[in-house]
C-alpha atoms as a PDB file:
ATOM      1  CA  MET A   1      -3.897 -36.318 -44.455  1.00  0.00           C
ATOM      2  CA  ALA A   2      -1.587 -32.768 -45.303  1.00  0.00           C
ATOM      3  CA  LYS A   3      -5.016 -31.125 -44.272  1.00  0.00           C
ATOM      4  CA  GLU A   4      -4.910 -33.034 -41.183  1.00  0.00           C
ATOM      5  CA  LYS A   5      -1.419 -31.954 -40.184  1.00  0.00           C
ATOM      6  CA  GLU A   6      -2.365 -28.384 -41.680  1.00  0.00           C
ATOM      7  CA  LEU A   7      -4.961 -28.488 -39.015  1.00  0.00           C
ATOM      8  CA  ALA A   8      -2.098 -30.205 -36.443  1.00  0.00           C
ATOM      9  CA  VAL A   9      -0.378 -26.966 -37.244  1.00  0.00           C
ATOM     10  CA  ALA A  10      -2.585 -24.375 -37.351  1.00  0.00           C
ATOM     11  CA  GLU A  11      -3.733 -25.671 -33.890  1.00  0.00           C
ATOM     12  CA  ASP A  12      -0.153 -25.709 -32.302  1.00  0.00           C
ATOM     13  CA  THR A  13       0.125 -21.686 -33.709  1.00  0.00           C
ATOM     14  CA  PHE A  14      -3.039 -21.032 -32.043  1.00  0.00           C
ATOM     15  CA  ALA A  15      -2.101 -22.552 -29.117  1.00  0.00           C
ATOM     16  CA  ALA A  16       1.648 -21.081 -28.788  1.00  0.00           C
ATOM     17  CA  LEU A  17      -0.271 -17.982 -29.641  1.00  0.00           C
ATOM     18  CA  GLU A  18      -2.745 -17.881 -26.953  1.00  0.00           C
ATOM     19  CA  GLN A  19      -0.129 -18.752 -24.339  1.00  0.00           C
ATOM     20  CA  ARG A  20       1.802 -15.993 -25.525  1.00  0.00           C
ATOM     21  CA  VAL A  21      -1.066 -13.518 -24.812  1.00  0.00           C
ATOM     22  CA  VAL A  22      -2.300 -15.165 -21.244  1.00  0.00           C
ATOM     23  CA  ARG A  23       1.361 -14.470 -20.437  1.00  0.00           C
ATOM     24  CA  ALA A  24       1.455 -10.913 -21.964  1.00  0.00           C
ATOM     25  CA  ILE A  25      -2.312 -10.110 -20.122  1.00  0.00           C
ATOM     26  CA  GLU A  26      -0.389 -11.820 -17.085  1.00  0.00           C
ATOM     27  CA  LEU A  27       2.552  -9.724 -17.216  1.00  0.00           C
ATOM     28  CA  LEU A  28       0.316  -6.104 -18.214  1.00  0.00           C
ATOM     29  CA  ASN A  29      -1.416  -7.246 -14.345  1.00  0.00           C
ATOM     30  CA  ARG A  30       1.638  -7.659 -12.571  1.00  0.00           C
ATOM     31  CA  GLU A  31       3.081  -4.693 -13.945  1.00  0.00           C
ATOM     32  CA  ARG A  32      -0.125  -2.377 -13.461  1.00  0.00           C
ATOM     33  CA  GLU A  33      -0.497  -3.861  -9.451  1.00  0.00           C
ATOM     34  CA  GLN A  34       3.178  -2.872  -8.918  1.00  0.00           C
ATOM     35  CA  ARG A  35       2.360   0.603 -10.924  1.00  0.00           C
ATOM     36  CA  MET A  36       0.055   1.010  -8.229  1.00  0.00           C
ATOM     37  CA  ALA A  37       1.999   0.037  -5.066  1.00  0.00           C
ATOM     38  CA  ALA A  38       4.627   2.423  -6.250  1.00  0.00           C
ATOM     39  CA  GLU A  39       2.316   5.128  -6.437  1.00  0.00           C
ATOM     40  CA  LYS A  40       0.932   4.160  -3.275  1.00  0.00           C
ATOM     41  CA  GLN A  41       4.011   3.850  -1.475  1.00  0.00           C
ATOM     42  CA  LEU A  42       4.873   7.938  -3.338  1.00  0.00           C
ATOM     43  CA  GLU A  43       1.652   9.143  -1.760  1.00  0.00           C
ATOM     44  CA  ASN A  44       2.643   7.914   1.630  1.00  0.00           C
ATOM     45  CA  LEU A  45       5.992   9.886   1.317  1.00  0.00           C
ATOM     46  CA  ARG A  46       4.700  12.668   0.267  1.00  0.00           C
ATOM     47  CA  GLU A  47       2.453  12.746   3.310  1.00  0.00           C
ATOM     48  CA  GLN A  48       5.189  11.779   5.502  1.00  0.00           C
ATOM     49  CA  LEU A  49       7.237  14.941   4.224  1.00  0.00           C
ATOM     50  CA  GLU A  50       4.436  17.248   4.228  1.00  0.00           C
ATOM     51  CA  THR A  51       4.039  16.084   8.175  1.00  0.00           C
ATOM     52  CA  GLN A  52       8.330  16.392   8.814  1.00  0.00           C
ATOM     53  CA  HIS A  53       8.374  19.562   6.998  1.00  0.00           C
ATOM     54  CA  ALA A  54       5.303  20.827   9.051  1.00  0.00           C
ATOM     55  CA  GLN A  55       7.376  19.486  11.891  1.00  0.00           C
ATOM     56  CA  THR A  56      10.378  21.485  11.007  1.00  0.00           C
ATOM     57  CA  THR A  57       8.819  24.500  10.609  1.00  0.00           C
ATOM     58  CA  GLN A  58       7.071  24.349  13.935  1.00  0.00           C
ATOM     59  CA  LEU A  59      10.957  23.171  15.727  1.00  0.00           C
ATOM     60  CA  ARG A  60      12.486  25.950  13.842  1.00  0.00           C
ATOM     61  CA  LEU A  61       9.763  28.422  15.626  1.00  0.00           C
ATOM     62  CA  GLU A  62      10.202  26.962  19.263  1.00  0.00           C
ATOM     63  CA  ILE A  63      14.311  27.366  18.800  1.00  0.00           C
ATOM     64  CA  GLU A  64      13.593  31.162  17.449  1.00  0.00           C
ATOM     65  CA  GLU A  65      11.664  31.801  20.937  1.00  0.00           C
ATOM     66  CA  LEU A  66      14.019  30.267  22.773  1.00  0.00           C
ATOM     67  CA  GLN A  67      17.024  31.920  21.518  1.00  0.00           C
ATOM     68  CA  ASP A  68      15.266  35.039  22.231  1.00  0.00           C
ATOM     69  CA  GLU A  69      14.450  33.616  25.875  1.00  0.00           C
ATOM     70  CA  ARG A  70      17.729  32.730  26.298  1.00  0.00           C
ATOM     71  CA  THR A  71      19.349  36.266  24.926  1.00  0.00           C
ATOM     72  CA  THR A  72      16.391  38.170  27.413  1.00  0.00           C
ATOM     73  CA  VAL A  73      17.407  36.173  30.527  1.00  0.00           C
ATOM     74  CA  ARG A  74      21.393  36.856  29.538  1.00  0.00           C
ATOM     75  CA  THR A  75      20.462  40.621  29.745  1.00  0.00           C
ATOM     76  CA  ARG A  76      18.751  40.341  33.025  1.00  0.00           C
ATOM     77  CA  VAL A  77      21.538  38.141  34.654  1.00  0.00           C
ATOM     78  CA  GLU A  78      23.890  40.749  33.441  1.00  0.00           C
ATOM     79  CA  ARG A  79      22.105  43.578  34.221  1.00  0.00           C
ATOM     80  CA  LEU A  80      21.836  41.614  37.855  1.00  0.00           C
ATOM     81  CA  MET A  81      25.795  40.978  37.852  1.00  0.00           C
ATOM     82  CA  ALA A  82      26.348  44.628  37.392  1.00  0.00           C
ATOM     83  CA  SER A  83      24.132  45.657  40.328  1.00  0.00           C
ATOM     84  CA  LEU A  84      25.727  42.892  42.644  1.00  0.00           C
ATOM     85  CA  ASP A  85      29.497  44.400  41.496  1.00  0.00           C
ATOM     86  CA  ALA A  86      27.688  47.828  41.965  1.00  0.00           C
ATOM     87  CA  ILE A  87      26.514  47.295  45.594  1.00  0.00           C
ATOM     88  CA  GLY A  88      30.161  45.093  46.292  1.00  0.00           C
ATOM     89  CA  ALA A  89      32.083  48.058  45.074  1.00  0.00           C
ATOM     90  CA  SER A  90      30.275  50.606  47.180  1.00  0.00           C
END
């Protein structure tokens, strides 16, 4: 009888331990999936950042070109206005 109780207690203890191991494995698997998802999201964000950086660089170059063009046009218009003023003053 005592041996049967000890055996029943041992079985209960083993079952409890088995449940803890199963829960630990499930937790580990969930954590692993979450880590993989986070790593994938990080990679996507890095790619987006790289793309945006390239676009920013391109837009800066375009702005510089447009500013140079504006300066050139302004200079030409000022020369034309000076020419018109000279003609009008004559």
